[in-house]
Amino acid sequence: MSGVRAELLVTRKRASTWILLAIWAALALVFAYVVPYVTYLNGSAPESLADVLPERLVTSLMSGVPFFGGVLALMLGVLAVGSEYGWGTLKTLFSQRPGRLQVFAAKLLALAATVAVFVLVVFALGALTAYAIALLEGAEVEWPSASLVVRGLAAGWLILAVWAALGVLLAVLFRGTALAVGIGILYAFVIEGLVSALATQVSVVDGLVEFFVRANGYSLVVALGVPADDFSDRGPGSFSGPFVSGEQALLVLTSYLIVAAVVSAWLLRRRDVT
């Protein structure tokens, strides 16, 4: 536990953690509340008011988690481990009493807790924003069921944790941050993005896309009640399918999380730290 506390302290002291949290919170609120509410005020889409009321808290916030939140979580994962290579602190850590796997496990637990904070902060800010809008508009305040909120928090944590674990894997693989972040963003935007777009035109690609992180993340969100059409016009985060069942999405994402953590631990244990 002392190792986890130490890693949490390092995470709190790292400026990039707060910067990524601020960017993630701002993006989530802008896309989930500011844009729909401004659209409603302009009179171009009166029905958009329903999307920003407390009853739609989970479905409104979860729309941006699979991609925009995922990319930021990937950066968080890269920095959690990759920065240790840049600072040259891994040698010091590994020369202390705990073994390599113990140090790495502490980092993963601290990262998992940080991801949970990211999800909780966005949900808390979303709830406050939705409540304020309801009061301004004189709308009835109705909250989603507790079970839906819990499932939304769990799904949000899992999706972000998978992306963060991929970031950790890239950081260990490339022994640093710059190349790991570049490759991660390239993968998220180009490989998963372009191949997913081709899936609507080339049926052969459908089977491959069904195992992508993006496809399973969006499918898990759809299982919570978010309409699939909500993702069709989101710029680089657009996704038109194919969608899989919620059970398959949960299984695939959990597999990504486990495999990324195991491979990262194996690489860190086997290779020399230079």
C-alpha atoms as a PDB file:
ATOM      1  CA  MET A   1       0.000   0.000   0.000  1.00  0.00           C
ATOM      2  CA  SER A   2       2.910   2.360   0.625  1.00  0.00           C
ATOM      3  CA  GLY A   3       3.907   1.989  -3.016  1.00  0.00           C
ATOM      4  CA  VAL A   4       0.399   2.892  -4.172  1.00  0.00           C
ATOM      5  CA  ARG A   5       0.339   5.937  -1.883  1.00  0.00           C
ATOM      6  CA  ALA A   6       3.684   7.034  -3.271  1.00  0.00           C
ATOM      7  CA  GLU A   7       2.451   6.664  -6.850  1.00  0.00           C
ATOM      8  CA  LEU A   8      -0.721   8.584  -6.040  1.00  0.00           C
ATOM      9  CA  LEU A   9       1.406  11.375  -4.594  1.00  0.00           C
ATOM     10  CA  VAL A  10       3.500  11.477  -7.761  1.00  0.00           C
ATOM     11  CA  THR A  11       0.318  11.562  -9.852  1.00  0.00           C
ATOM     12  CA  ARG A  12      -1.088  14.463  -7.830  1.00  0.00           C
ATOM     13  CA  LYS A  13       2.161  16.395  -8.137  1.00  0.00           C
ATOM     14  CA  ARG A  14       2.400  15.853 -11.885  1.00  0.00           C
ATOM     15  CA  ALA A  15       1.041  18.929 -13.693  1.00  0.00           C
ATOM     16  CA  SER A  16       0.030  16.892 -16.734  1.00  0.00           C
ATOM     17  CA  THR A  17      -2.555  15.015 -14.642  1.00  0.00           C
ATOM     18  CA  TRP A  18      -4.417  18.211 -13.827  1.00  0.00           C
ATOM     19  CA  ILE A  19      -4.071  19.533 -17.360  1.00  0.00           C
ATOM     20  CA  LEU A  20      -5.556  16.357 -18.838  1.00  0.00           C
ATOM     21  CA  LEU A  21      -8.340  16.370 -16.244  1.00  0.00           C
ATOM     22  CA  ALA A  22      -9.173  19.986 -17.069  1.00  0.00           C
ATOM     23  CA  ILE A  23      -9.208  19.283 -20.820  1.00  0.00           C
ATOM     24  CA  TRP A  24     -11.354  16.183 -20.344  1.00  0.00           C
ATOM     25  CA  ALA A  25     -13.855  18.007 -18.115  1.00  0.00           C
ATOM     26  CA  ALA A  26     -14.049  20.944 -20.526  1.00  0.00           C
ATOM     27  CA  LEU A  27     -14.574  18.716 -23.573  1.00  0.00           C
ATOM     28  CA  ALA A  28     -17.202  16.617 -21.804  1.00  0.00           C
ATOM     29  CA  LEU A  29     -19.218  19.642 -20.676  1.00  0.00           C
ATOM     30  CA  VAL A  30     -18.931  21.465 -23.995  1.00  0.00           C
ATOM     31  CA  PHE A  31     -20.116  18.557 -26.122  1.00  0.00           C
ATOM     32  CA  ALA A  32     -22.652  17.186 -23.650  1.00  0.00           C
ATOM     33  CA  TYR A  33     -24.204  20.460 -22.420  1.00  0.00           C
ATOM     34  CA  VAL A  34     -22.912  23.726 -23.866  1.00  0.00           C
ATOM     35  CA  VAL A  35     -23.412  22.902 -27.554  1.00  0.00           C
ATOM     36  CA  PRO A  36     -26.887  21.318 -27.150  1.00  0.00           C
ATOM     37  CA  TYR A  37     -28.065  24.106 -24.834  1.00  0.00           C
ATOM     38  CA  VAL A  38     -26.832  26.878 -27.139  1.00  0.00           C
ATOM     39  CA  THR A  39     -28.558  25.088 -30.013  1.00  0.00           C
ATOM     40  CA  TYR A  40     -31.773  25.057 -27.982  1.00  0.00           C
ATOM     41  CA  LEU A  41     -31.451  28.771 -27.103  1.00  0.00           C
ATOM     42  CA  ASN A  42     -30.996  29.611 -30.779  1.00  0.00           C
ATOM     43  CA  GLY A  43     -34.290  27.876 -31.505  1.00  0.00           C
ATOM     44  CA  SER A  44     -32.844  25.593 -34.166  1.00  0.00           C
ATOM     45  CA  ALA A  45     -33.486  22.402 -32.183  1.00  0.00           C
ATOM     46  CA  PRO A  46     -36.038  22.827 -29.364  1.00  0.00           C
ATOM     47  CA  GLU A  47     -35.900  19.107 -28.613  1.00  0.00           C
ATOM     48  CA  SER A  48     -32.239  19.391 -27.571  1.00  0.00           C
ATOM     49  CA  LEU A  49     -33.308  20.746 -24.170  1.00  0.00           C
ATOM     50  CA  ALA A  50     -34.205  17.198 -23.114  1.00  0.00           C
ATOM     51  CA  ASP A  51     -30.617  16.103 -23.738  1.00  0.00           C
ATOM     52  CA  VAL A  52     -29.205  18.495 -21.126  1.00  0.00           C
ATOM     53  CA  LEU A  53     -31.641  17.810 -18.300  1.00  0.00           C
ATOM     54  CA  PRO A  54     -30.667  15.664 -15.268  1.00  0.00           C
ATOM     55  CA  GLU A  55     -32.676  12.672 -16.494  1.00  0.00           C
ATOM     56  CA  ARG A  56     -30.242  12.242 -19.411  1.00  0.00           C
ATOM     57  CA  LEU A  57     -27.123  12.610 -17.273  1.00  0.00           C
ATOM     58  CA  VAL A  58     -25.611   9.218 -18.099  1.00  0.00           C
ATOM     59  CA  THR A  59     -26.469   9.117 -21.799  1.00  0.00           C
ATOM     60  CA  SER A  60     -25.301  12.706 -22.356  1.00  0.00           C
ATOM     61  CA  LEU A  61     -21.916  12.267 -20.685  1.00  0.00           C
ATOM     62  CA  MET A  62     -21.112   8.801 -22.008  1.00  0.00           C
ATOM     63  CA  SER A  63     -21.244   9.838 -25.663  1.00  0.00           C
ATOM     64  CA  GLY A  64     -17.767  11.367 -25.555  1.00  0.00           C
ATOM     65  CA  VAL A  65     -16.078   8.718 -23.420  1.00  0.00           C
ATOM     66  CA  PRO A  66     -15.111   6.057 -26.020  1.00  0.00           C
ATOM     67  CA  PHE A  67     -12.966   8.346 -28.151  1.00  0.00           C
ATOM     68  CA  PHE A  68     -12.227  11.830 -26.773  1.00  0.00           C
ATOM     69  CA  GLY A  69     -11.941  10.597 -23.209  1.00  0.00           C
ATOM     70  CA  GLY A  70     -10.071   7.542 -24.416  1.00  0.00           C
ATOM     71  CA  VAL A  71      -7.336   9.518 -26.175  1.00  0.00           C
ATOM     72  CA  LEU A  72      -6.748  11.631 -23.063  1.00  0.00           C
ATOM     73  CA  ALA A  73      -6.653   8.483 -20.915  1.00  0.00           C
ATOM     74  CA  LEU A  74      -4.063   7.035 -23.299  1.00  0.00           C
ATOM     75  CA  MET A  75      -1.881  10.090 -22.717  1.00  0.00           C
ATOM     76  CA  LEU A  76      -2.387   9.702 -18.973  1.00  0.00           C
ATOM     77  CA  GLY A  77      -1.217   6.096 -19.159  1.00  0.00           C
ATOM     78  CA  VAL A  78       1.819   6.998 -21.240  1.00  0.00           C
ATOM     79  CA  LEU A  79       2.875   9.718 -18.810  1.00  0.00           C
ATOM     80  CA  ALA A  80       2.318   7.507 -15.760  1.00  0.00           C
ATOM     81  CA  VAL A  81       5.103   5.141 -16.860  1.00  0.00           C
ATOM     82  CA  GLY A  82       6.907   6.755 -19.786  1.00  0.00           C
ATOM     83  CA  SER A  83       7.970   9.817 -17.822  1.00  0.00           C
ATOM     84  CA  GLU A  84       9.954   7.540 -15.485  1.00  0.00           C
ATOM     85  CA  TYR A  85      12.198   6.663 -18.428  1.00  0.00           C
ATOM     86  CA  GLY A  86      12.724  10.320 -19.268  1.00  0.00           C
ATOM     87  CA  TRP A  87      13.597  11.233 -15.689  1.00  0.00           C
ATOM     88  CA  GLY A  88      15.805   8.180 -15.260  1.00  0.00           C
ATOM     89  CA  THR A  89      14.000   7.235 -12.057  1.00  0.00           C
ATOM     90  CA  LEU A  90      13.203   3.627 -12.949  1.00  0.00           C
ATOM     91  CA  LYS A  91      16.722   2.504 -12.023  1.00  0.00           C
ATOM     92  CA  THR A  92      16.289   4.067  -8.611  1.00  0.00           C
ATOM     93  CA  LEU A  93      12.879   2.490  -8.132  1.00  0.00           C
ATOM     94  CA  PHE A  94      14.064  -0.951  -9.164  1.00  0.00           C
ATOM     95  CA  SER A  95      17.145  -0.784  -6.938  1.00  0.00           C
ATOM     96  CA  GLN A  96      14.970  -0.422  -3.835  1.00  0.00           C
ATOM     97  CA  ARG A  97      13.517  -3.343  -1.909  1.00  0.00           C
ATOM     98  CA  PRO A  98      10.250  -3.894  -3.891  1.00  0.00           C
ATOM     99  CA  GLY A  99      10.620  -5.954  -7.048  1.00  0.00           C
ATOM    100  CA  ARG A 100       9.828  -4.711 -10.531  1.00  0.00           C
ATOM    101  CA  LEU A 101       6.387  -6.264 -10.617  1.00  0.00           C
ATOM    102  CA  GLN A 102       5.509  -4.742  -7.234  1.00  0.00           C
ATOM    103  CA  VAL A 103       6.513  -1.296  -8.455  1.00  0.00           C
ATOM    104  CA  PHE A 104       4.580  -1.777 -11.670  1.00  0.00           C
ATOM    105  CA  ALA A 105       1.499  -3.060  -9.826  1.00  0.00           C
ATOM    106  CA  ALA A 106       1.550   0.047  -7.620  1.00  0.00           C
ATOM    107  CA  LYS A 107       1.670   2.221 -10.718  1.00  0.00           C
ATOM    108  CA  LEU A 108      -1.275   0.382 -12.271  1.00  0.00           C
ATOM    109  CA  LEU A 109      -3.375   0.652  -9.115  1.00  0.00           C
ATOM    110  CA  ALA A 110      -2.616   4.363  -8.830  1.00  0.00           C
ATOM    111  CA  LEU A 111      -3.504   4.822 -12.493  1.00  0.00           C
ATOM    112  CA  ALA A 112      -6.763   2.915 -12.030  1.00  0.00           C
ATOM    113  CA  ALA A 113      -7.668   5.177  -9.117  1.00  0.00           C
ATOM    114  CA  THR A 114      -6.804   8.262 -11.169  1.00  0.00           C
ATOM    115  CA  VAL A 115      -9.026   7.093 -14.019  1.00  0.00           C
ATOM    116  CA  ALA A 116     -11.854   6.611 -11.511  1.00  0.00           C
ATOM    117  CA  VAL A 117     -11.380  10.205 -10.347  1.00  0.00           C
ATOM    118  CA  PHE A 118     -11.555  11.402 -13.962  1.00  0.00           C
ATOM    119  CA  VAL A 119     -14.911   9.667 -14.400  1.00  0.00           C
ATOM    120  CA  LEU A 120     -16.316  10.853 -11.061  1.00  0.00           C
ATOM    121  CA  VAL A 121     -15.302  14.472 -11.665  1.00  0.00           C
ATOM    122  CA  VAL A 122     -16.984  14.580 -15.063  1.00  0.00           C
ATOM    123  CA  PHE A 123     -20.164  13.006 -13.705  1.00  0.00           C
ATOM    124  CA  ALA A 124     -20.227  15.436 -10.787  1.00  0.00           C
ATOM    125  CA  LEU A 125     -19.729  18.461 -13.046  1.00  0.00           C
ATOM    126  CA  GLY A 126     -22.306  17.105 -15.475  1.00  0.00           C
ATOM    127  CA  ALA A 127     -24.854  16.683 -12.679  1.00  0.00           C
ATOM    128  CA  LEU A 128     -24.299  20.253 -11.472  1.00  0.00           C
ATOM    129  CA  THR A 129     -24.582  21.627 -15.008  1.00  0.00           C
ATOM    130  CA  ALA A 130     -27.736  19.663 -15.787  1.00  0.00           C
ATOM    131  CA  TYR A 131     -29.311  20.753 -12.495  1.00  0.00           C
ATOM    132  CA  ALA A 132     -28.479  24.407 -13.181  1.00  0.00           C
ATOM    133  CA  ILE A 133     -30.002  24.228 -16.665  1.00  0.00           C
ATOM    134  CA  ALA A 134     -33.157  22.612 -15.272  1.00  0.00           C
ATOM    135  CA  LEU A 135     -33.525  25.410 -12.741  1.00  0.00           C
ATOM    136  CA  LEU A 136     -32.955  28.086 -15.392  1.00  0.00           C
ATOM    137  CA  GLU A 137     -35.566  26.570 -17.688  1.00  0.00           C
ATOM    138  CA  GLY A 138     -38.035  25.757 -14.931  1.00  0.00           C
ATOM    139  CA  ALA A 139     -37.982  22.107 -15.961  1.00  0.00           C
ATOM    140  CA  GLU A 140     -38.813  19.238 -13.659  1.00  0.00           C
ATOM    141  CA  VAL A 141     -35.722  17.739 -12.058  1.00  0.00           C
ATOM    142  CA  GLU A 142     -35.671  13.976 -12.495  1.00  0.00           C
ATOM    143  CA  TRP A 143     -32.504  11.962 -12.048  1.00  0.00           C
ATOM    144  CA  PRO A 144     -31.614   8.648 -13.720  1.00  0.00           C
ATOM    145  CA  SER A 145     -31.886   5.518 -11.623  1.00  0.00           C
ATOM    146  CA  ALA A 146     -29.044   4.679  -9.259  1.00  0.00           C
ATOM    147  CA  SER A 147     -28.364   1.441 -11.139  1.00  0.00           C
ATOM    148  CA  LEU A 148     -27.946   3.312 -14.429  1.00  0.00           C
ATOM    149  CA  VAL A 149     -25.574   5.805 -12.833  1.00  0.00           C
ATOM    150  CA  VAL A 150     -23.484   3.000 -11.339  1.00  0.00           C
ATOM    151  CA  ARG A 151     -23.381   1.169 -14.682  1.00  0.00           C
ATOM    152  CA  GLY A 152     -22.423   4.406 -16.405  1.00  0.00           C
ATOM    153  CA  LEU A 153     -19.592   5.037 -13.951  1.00  0.00           C
ATOM    154  CA  ALA A 154     -18.355   1.458 -14.325  1.00  0.00           C
ATOM    155  CA  ALA A 155     -18.533   1.562 -18.125  1.00  0.00           C
ATOM    156  CA  GLY A 156     -16.762   4.917 -18.217  1.00  0.00           C
ATOM    157  CA  TRP A 157     -14.014   3.612 -15.951  1.00  0.00           C
ATOM    158  CA  LEU A 158     -13.529   0.456 -18.025  1.00  0.00           C
ATOM    159  CA  ILE A 159     -13.300   2.300 -21.336  1.00  0.00           C
ATOM    160  CA  LEU A 160     -10.830   4.872 -20.012  1.00  0.00           C
ATOM    161  CA  ALA A 161      -8.856   2.178 -18.175  1.00  0.00           C
ATOM    162  CA  VAL A 162      -8.404   0.212 -21.411  1.00  0.00           C
ATOM    163  CA  TRP A 163      -7.047   3.253 -23.222  1.00  0.00           C
ATOM    164  CA  ALA A 164      -4.798   4.071 -20.249  1.00  0.00           C
ATOM    165  CA  ALA A 165      -3.487   0.478 -20.230  1.00  0.00           C
ATOM    166  CA  LEU A 166      -2.687   0.776 -23.942  1.00  0.00           C
ATOM    167  CA  GLY A 167      -0.798   3.969 -23.124  1.00  0.00           C
ATOM    168  CA  VAL A 168       1.197   2.116 -20.457  1.00  0.00           C
ATOM    169  CA  LEU A 169       2.013  -0.640 -22.944  1.00  0.00           C
ATOM    170  CA  LEU A 170       3.257   1.869 -25.511  1.00  0.00           C
ATOM    171  CA  ALA A 171       5.330   3.685 -22.883  1.00  0.00           C
ATOM    172  CA  VAL A 172       7.034   0.443 -21.826  1.00  0.00           C
ATOM    173  CA  LEU A 173       7.467  -0.700 -25.416  1.00  0.00           C
ATOM    174  CA  PHE A 174       9.104   2.538 -26.592  1.00  0.00           C
ATOM    175  CA  ARG A 175      10.711   3.435 -23.235  1.00  0.00           C
ATOM    176  CA  GLY A 176       9.503   7.005 -23.170  1.00  0.00           C
ATOM    177  CA  THR A 177       6.638   9.384 -23.777  1.00  0.00           C
ATOM    178  CA  ALA A 178       7.042  11.237 -27.080  1.00  0.00           C
ATOM    179  CA  LEU A 179       6.983   8.302 -29.476  1.00  0.00           C
ATOM    180  CA  ALA A 180       4.436   6.437 -27.345  1.00  0.00           C
ATOM    181  CA  VAL A 181       1.983   9.361 -27.426  1.00  0.00           C
ATOM    182  CA  GLY A 182       2.541   9.826 -31.163  1.00  0.00           C
ATOM    183  CA  ILE A 183       1.963   6.164 -31.974  1.00  0.00           C
ATOM    184  CA  GLY A 184      -1.062   6.039 -29.676  1.00  0.00           C
ATOM    185  CA  ILE A 185      -2.752   9.034 -31.266  1.00  0.00           C
ATOM    186  CA  LEU A 186      -1.875   7.723 -34.722  1.00  0.00           C
ATOM    187  CA  TYR A 187      -3.508   4.425 -33.853  1.00  0.00           C
ATOM    188  CA  ALA A 188      -6.618   6.040 -32.396  1.00  0.00           C
ATOM    189  CA  PHE A 189      -7.158   8.567 -35.193  1.00  0.00           C
ATOM    190  CA  VAL A 190      -5.807   6.839 -38.282  1.00  0.00           C
ATOM    191  CA  ILE A 191      -5.904   3.082 -37.858  1.00  0.00           C
ATOM    192  CA  GLU A 192      -9.083   2.646 -35.815  1.00  0.00           C
ATOM    193  CA  GLY A 193     -10.685   5.753 -37.325  1.00  0.00           C
ATOM    194  CA  LEU A 194     -10.071   5.037 -41.002  1.00  0.00           C
ATOM    195  CA  VAL A 195     -10.629   1.291 -40.807  1.00  0.00           C
ATOM    196  CA  SER A 196     -13.881   1.863 -38.911  1.00  0.00           C
ATOM    197  CA  ALA A 197     -14.996   4.289 -41.630  1.00  0.00           C
ATOM    198  CA  LEU A 198     -14.220   1.689 -44.290  1.00  0.00           C
ATOM    199  CA  ALA A 199     -16.387  -0.855 -42.488  1.00  0.00           C
ATOM    200  CA  THR A 200     -19.514   0.888 -43.779  1.00  0.00           C
ATOM    201  CA  GLN A 201     -18.250   0.453 -47.340  1.00  0.00           C
ATOM    202  CA  VAL A 202     -16.319  -2.830 -47.236  1.00  0.00           C
ATOM    203  CA  SER A 203     -18.203  -5.634 -45.530  1.00  0.00           C
ATOM    204  CA  VAL A 204     -15.060  -7.741 -45.127  1.00  0.00           C
ATOM    205  CA  VAL A 205     -13.700  -5.185 -42.656  1.00  0.00           C
ATOM    206  CA  ASP A 206     -16.710  -5.528 -40.343  1.00  0.00           C
ATOM    207  CA  GLY A 207     -15.338  -8.599 -38.616  1.00  0.00           C
ATOM    208  CA  LEU A 208     -12.044  -6.831 -37.855  1.00  0.00           C
ATOM    209  CA  VAL A 209     -13.646  -3.621 -36.587  1.00  0.00           C
ATOM    210  CA  GLU A 210     -15.816  -5.573 -34.148  1.00  0.00           C
ATOM    211  CA  PHE A 211     -12.668  -6.220 -32.096  1.00  0.00           C
ATOM    212  CA  PHE A 212     -11.418  -2.623 -32.077  1.00  0.00           C
ATOM    213  CA  VAL A 213     -11.352  -0.658 -28.846  1.00  0.00           C
ATOM    214  CA  ARG A 214     -13.419   2.112 -30.395  1.00  0.00           C
ATOM    215  CA  ALA A 215     -16.158  -0.208 -31.677  1.00  0.00           C
ATOM    216  CA  ASN A 216     -16.496  -2.019 -28.369  1.00  0.00           C
ATOM    217  CA  GLY A 217     -16.375   1.213 -26.396  1.00  0.00           C
ATOM    218  CA  TYR A 218     -19.201   2.712 -28.409  1.00  0.00           C
ATOM    219  CA  SER A 219     -21.126  -0.560 -28.223  1.00  0.00           C
ATOM    220  CA  LEU A 220     -20.856  -0.579 -24.429  1.00  0.00           C
ATOM    221  CA  VAL A 221     -22.168   2.978 -24.345  1.00  0.00           C
ATOM    222  CA  VAL A 222     -25.058   2.074 -26.653  1.00  0.00           C
ATOM    223  CA  ALA A 223     -25.942  -0.734 -24.246  1.00  0.00           C
ATOM    224  CA  LEU A 224     -26.526   1.971 -21.619  1.00  0.00           C
ATOM    225  CA  GLY A 225     -29.171   3.609 -23.768  1.00  0.00           C
ATOM    226  CA  VAL A 226     -27.219   6.126 -25.854  1.00  0.00           C
ATOM    227  CA  PRO A 227     -28.685   6.207 -29.403  1.00  0.00           C
ATOM    228  CA  ALA A 228     -26.233   4.881 -31.996  1.00  0.00           C
ATOM    229  CA  ASP A 229     -27.009   7.881 -34.230  1.00  0.00           C
ATOM    230  CA  ASP A 230     -25.357  10.183 -31.669  1.00  0.00           C
ATOM    231  CA  PHE A 231     -21.920   9.084 -32.888  1.00  0.00           C
ATOM    232  CA  SER A 232     -22.399   9.594 -36.606  1.00  0.00           C
ATOM    233  CA  ASP A 233     -21.419  13.289 -36.667  1.00  0.00           C
ATOM    234  CA  ARG A 234     -18.668  13.838 -34.097  1.00  0.00           C
ATOM    235  CA  GLY A 235     -15.685  14.774 -36.253  1.00  0.00           C
ATOM    236  CA  PRO A 236     -12.704  12.497 -35.577  1.00  0.00           C
ATOM    237  CA  GLY A 237     -14.807  10.657 -32.998  1.00  0.00           C
ATOM    238  CA  SER A 238     -17.511   9.721 -35.498  1.00  0.00           C
ATOM    239  CA  PHE A 239     -18.554   6.090 -35.572  1.00  0.00           C
ATOM    240  CA  SER A 240     -21.283   4.457 -37.658  1.00  0.00           C
ATOM    241  CA  GLY A 241     -20.737   0.828 -36.703  1.00  0.00           C
ATOM    242  CA  PRO A 242     -20.564  -2.038 -36.651  1.00  0.00           C
ATOM    243  CA  PHE A 243     -21.900  -2.320 -33.113  1.00  0.00           C
ATOM    244  CA  VAL A 244     -21.700  -5.473 -31.019  1.00  0.00           C
ATOM    245  CA  SER A 245     -23.682  -6.667 -28.028  1.00  0.00           C
ATOM    246  CA  GLY A 246     -23.013  -5.197 -24.609  1.00  0.00           C
ATOM    247  CA  GLU A 247     -21.785  -8.574 -23.365  1.00  0.00           C
ATOM    248  CA  GLN A 248     -19.238  -8.905 -26.177  1.00  0.00           C
ATOM    249  CA  ALA A 249     -18.084  -5.324 -25.667  1.00  0.00           C
ATOM    250  CA  LEU A 250     -17.546  -5.986 -21.961  1.00  0.00           C
ATOM    251  CA  LEU A 251     -15.591  -9.173 -22.705  1.00  0.00           C
ATOM    252  CA  VAL A 252     -13.409  -7.621 -25.409  1.00  0.00           C
ATOM    253  CA  LEU A 253     -12.580  -4.504 -23.386  1.00  0.00           C
ATOM    254  CA  THR A 254     -11.743  -6.553 -20.307  1.00  0.00           C
ATOM    255  CA  SER A 255      -9.480  -8.745 -22.449  1.00  0.00           C
ATOM    256  CA  TYR A 256      -7.685  -5.654 -23.801  1.00  0.00           C
ATOM    257  CA  LEU A 257      -7.166  -4.418 -20.250  1.00  0.00           C
ATOM    258  CA  ILE A 258      -5.728  -7.699 -18.995  1.00  0.00           C
ATOM    259  CA  VAL A 259      -3.529  -8.372 -22.036  1.00  0.00           C
ATOM    260  CA  ALA A 260      -2.085  -4.835 -22.048  1.00  0.00           C
ATOM    261  CA  ALA A 261      -1.254  -5.035 -18.343  1.00  0.00           C
ATOM    262  CA  VAL A 262       0.292  -8.526 -18.589  1.00  0.00           C
ATOM    263  CA  VAL A 263       2.402  -7.741 -21.673  1.00  0.00           C
ATOM    264  CA  SER A 264       3.603  -4.477 -20.126  1.00  0.00           C
ATOM    265  CA  ALA A 265       4.594  -6.280 -16.916  1.00  0.00           C
ATOM    266  CA  TRP A 266       6.415  -8.991 -18.891  1.00  0.00           C
ATOM    267  CA  LEU A 267       8.369  -6.449 -20.940  1.00  0.00           C
ATOM    268  CA  LEU A 268       9.273  -4.400 -17.875  1.00  0.00           C
ATOM    269  CA  ARG A 269      10.485  -7.478 -16.022  1.00  0.00           C
ATOM    270  CA  ARG A 270      12.492  -8.982 -18.881  1.00  0.00           C
ATOM    271  CA  ARG A 271      14.227  -5.960 -20.358  1.00  0.00           C
ATOM    272  CA  ASP A 272      17.101  -3.943 -18.959  1.00  0.00           C
ATOM    273  CA  VAL A 273      16.389  -0.355 -17.965  1.00  0.00           C
ATOM    274  CA  THR A 274      18.809   2.018 -19.678  1.00  0.00           C
END
